[in-house]
Amino acid sequence: MKCPIDGTTLALSERGGVEIDFCPKCRGVWLDRGELDKIINQTVTTLPPRDERGYTAKPRKKRDSFLKELFDF
């Protein structure tokens, strides 16, 4: 499959049971139907619990993007 932006052949990576197509040149990421939902579900289950006001028990550091966890670049 070719990158719709620059025509480079897309690379395939699997992380957490989700296959992700990405362009090694422009770093674009393409997901098939349902893959974004899988990523969101994995992220939501790892967040700390919140109190009735929606606050976490203690302040946390800014978290890196979930894409950084999925890719090794």
C-alpha atoms as a PDB file:
ATOM      1  CA  MET A   1       0.000   0.000   0.000  1.00  0.00           C
ATOM      2  CA  LYS A   2       1.258   3.491  -0.822  1.00  0.00           C
ATOM      3  CA  CYS A   3       1.178   6.596   1.381  1.00  0.00           C
ATOM      4  CA  PRO A   4      -1.600   8.880   0.128  1.00  0.00           C
ATOM      5  CA  ILE A   5       0.554  11.919   0.916  1.00  0.00           C
ATOM      6  CA  ASP A   6       3.918  11.159  -0.675  1.00  0.00           C
ATOM      7  CA  GLY A   7       3.567   7.762  -2.398  1.00  0.00           C
ATOM      8  CA  THR A   8       6.105   5.939  -0.190  1.00  0.00           C
ATOM      9  CA  THR A   9       5.354   2.289   0.563  1.00  0.00           C
ATOM     10  CA  LEU A  10       3.726   2.060   3.989  1.00  0.00           C
ATOM     11  CA  ALA A  11       5.325  -0.003   6.740  1.00  0.00           C
ATOM     12  CA  LEU A  12       3.307  -2.184   9.097  1.00  0.00           C
ATOM     13  CA  SER A  13       3.774  -2.283  12.847  1.00  0.00           C
ATOM     14  CA  GLU A  14       1.866  -4.272  15.455  1.00  0.00           C
ATOM     15  CA  ARG A  15       1.506  -2.960  18.982  1.00  0.00           C
ATOM     16  CA  GLY A  16      -0.837  -4.361  21.586  1.00  0.00           C
ATOM     17  CA  GLY A  17      -2.725  -6.430  19.027  1.00  0.00           C
ATOM     18  CA  VAL A  18      -3.317  -3.450  16.720  1.00  0.00           C
ATOM     19  CA  GLU A  19      -1.816  -3.369  13.237  1.00  0.00           C
ATOM     20  CA  ILE A  20      -0.805   0.156  12.286  1.00  0.00           C
ATOM     21  CA  ASP A  21       0.219   1.305   8.824  1.00  0.00           C
ATOM     22  CA  PHE A  22       2.693   4.182   8.860  1.00  0.00           C
ATOM     23  CA  CYS A  23       4.817   6.098   6.398  1.00  0.00           C
ATOM     24  CA  PRO A  24       8.521   6.056   7.291  1.00  0.00           C
ATOM     25  CA  LYS A  25       9.061   9.235   5.252  1.00  0.00           C
ATOM     26  CA  CYS A  26       6.303  11.658   6.348  1.00  0.00           C
ATOM     27  CA  ARG A  27       5.456   9.716   9.563  1.00  0.00           C
ATOM     28  CA  GLY A  28       1.754   9.654   8.703  1.00  0.00           C
ATOM     29  CA  VAL A  29      -0.290   6.985  10.462  1.00  0.00           C
ATOM     30  CA  TRP A  30      -3.263   5.116   9.014  1.00  0.00           C
ATOM     31  CA  LEU A  31      -5.583   2.826  10.926  1.00  0.00           C
ATOM     32  CA  ASP A  32      -8.129   0.326   9.651  1.00  0.00           C
ATOM     33  CA  ARG A  33     -11.717   0.344  10.879  1.00  0.00           C
ATOM     34  CA  GLY A  34     -11.923  -0.368  14.612  1.00  0.00           C
ATOM     35  CA  GLU A  35      -8.204   0.028  15.329  1.00  0.00           C
ATOM     36  CA  LEU A  36      -8.566   3.507  16.830  1.00  0.00           C
ATOM     37  CA  ASP A  37     -11.245   2.151  19.177  1.00  0.00           C
ATOM     38  CA  LYS A  38      -8.856  -0.601  20.304  1.00  0.00           C
ATOM     39  CA  ILE A  39      -6.125   1.969  21.020  1.00  0.00           C
ATOM     40  CA  ILE A  40      -8.532   4.210  22.953  1.00  0.00           C
ATOM     41  CA  ASN A  41      -9.783   1.267  25.018  1.00  0.00           C
ATOM     42  CA  GLN A  42      -6.213   0.268  25.901  1.00  0.00           C
ATOM     43  CA  THR A  43      -5.416   3.848  26.929  1.00  0.00           C
ATOM     44  CA  VAL A  44      -8.570   4.326  29.022  1.00  0.00           C
ATOM     45  CA  THR A  45      -7.952   1.168  31.038  1.00  0.00           C
ATOM     46  CA  THR A  46      -4.493   2.414  32.054  1.00  0.00           C
ATOM     47  CA  LEU A  47      -5.625   5.818  33.393  1.00  0.00           C
ATOM     48  CA  PRO A  48      -5.777   6.317  37.191  1.00  0.00           C
ATOM     49  CA  PRO A  49      -9.220   6.393  38.852  1.00  0.00           C
ATOM     50  CA  ARG A  50     -10.889   9.780  39.398  1.00  0.00           C
ATOM     51  CA  ASP A  51     -12.934  11.083  42.317  1.00  0.00           C
ATOM     52  CA  GLU A  52     -16.522  12.390  42.060  1.00  0.00           C
ATOM     53  CA  ARG A  53     -15.249  15.780  40.780  1.00  0.00           C
ATOM     54  CA  GLY A  54     -13.225  14.163  37.996  1.00  0.00           C
ATOM     55  CA  TYR A  55      -9.812  14.752  39.592  1.00  0.00           C
ATOM     56  CA  THR A  56      -7.109  12.142  39.964  1.00  0.00           C
ATOM     57  CA  ALA A  57      -5.949  11.311  43.471  1.00  0.00           C
ATOM     58  CA  LYS A  58      -2.638  13.109  42.962  1.00  0.00           C
ATOM     59  CA  PRO A  59      -1.274  15.293  40.198  1.00  0.00           C
ATOM     60  CA  ARG A  60       0.483  13.421  37.443  1.00  0.00           C
ATOM     61  CA  LYS A  61       3.163  14.397  35.021  1.00  0.00           C
ATOM     62  CA  LYS A  62       2.163  15.225  31.477  1.00  0.00           C
ATOM     63  CA  ARG A  63       1.858  11.955  29.647  1.00  0.00           C
ATOM     64  CA  ASP A  64       3.494  11.355  26.283  1.00  0.00           C
ATOM     65  CA  SER A  65       1.274  10.716  23.313  1.00  0.00           C
ATOM     66  CA  PHE A  66      -0.076   7.178  23.057  1.00  0.00           C
ATOM     67  CA  LEU A  67       1.468   7.019  19.579  1.00  0.00           C
ATOM     68  CA  LYS A  68       4.917   7.380  21.138  1.00  0.00           C
ATOM     69  CA  GLU A  69       4.220   4.208  23.120  1.00  0.00           C
ATOM     70  CA  LEU A  70       3.133   2.388  19.977  1.00  0.00           C
ATOM     71  CA  PHE A  71       6.083   3.289  17.783  1.00  0.00           C
ATOM     72  CA  ASP A  72       9.818   3.051  18.327  1.00  0.00           C
ATOM     73  CA  PHE A  73      10.713   6.284  16.505  1.00  0.00           C
END
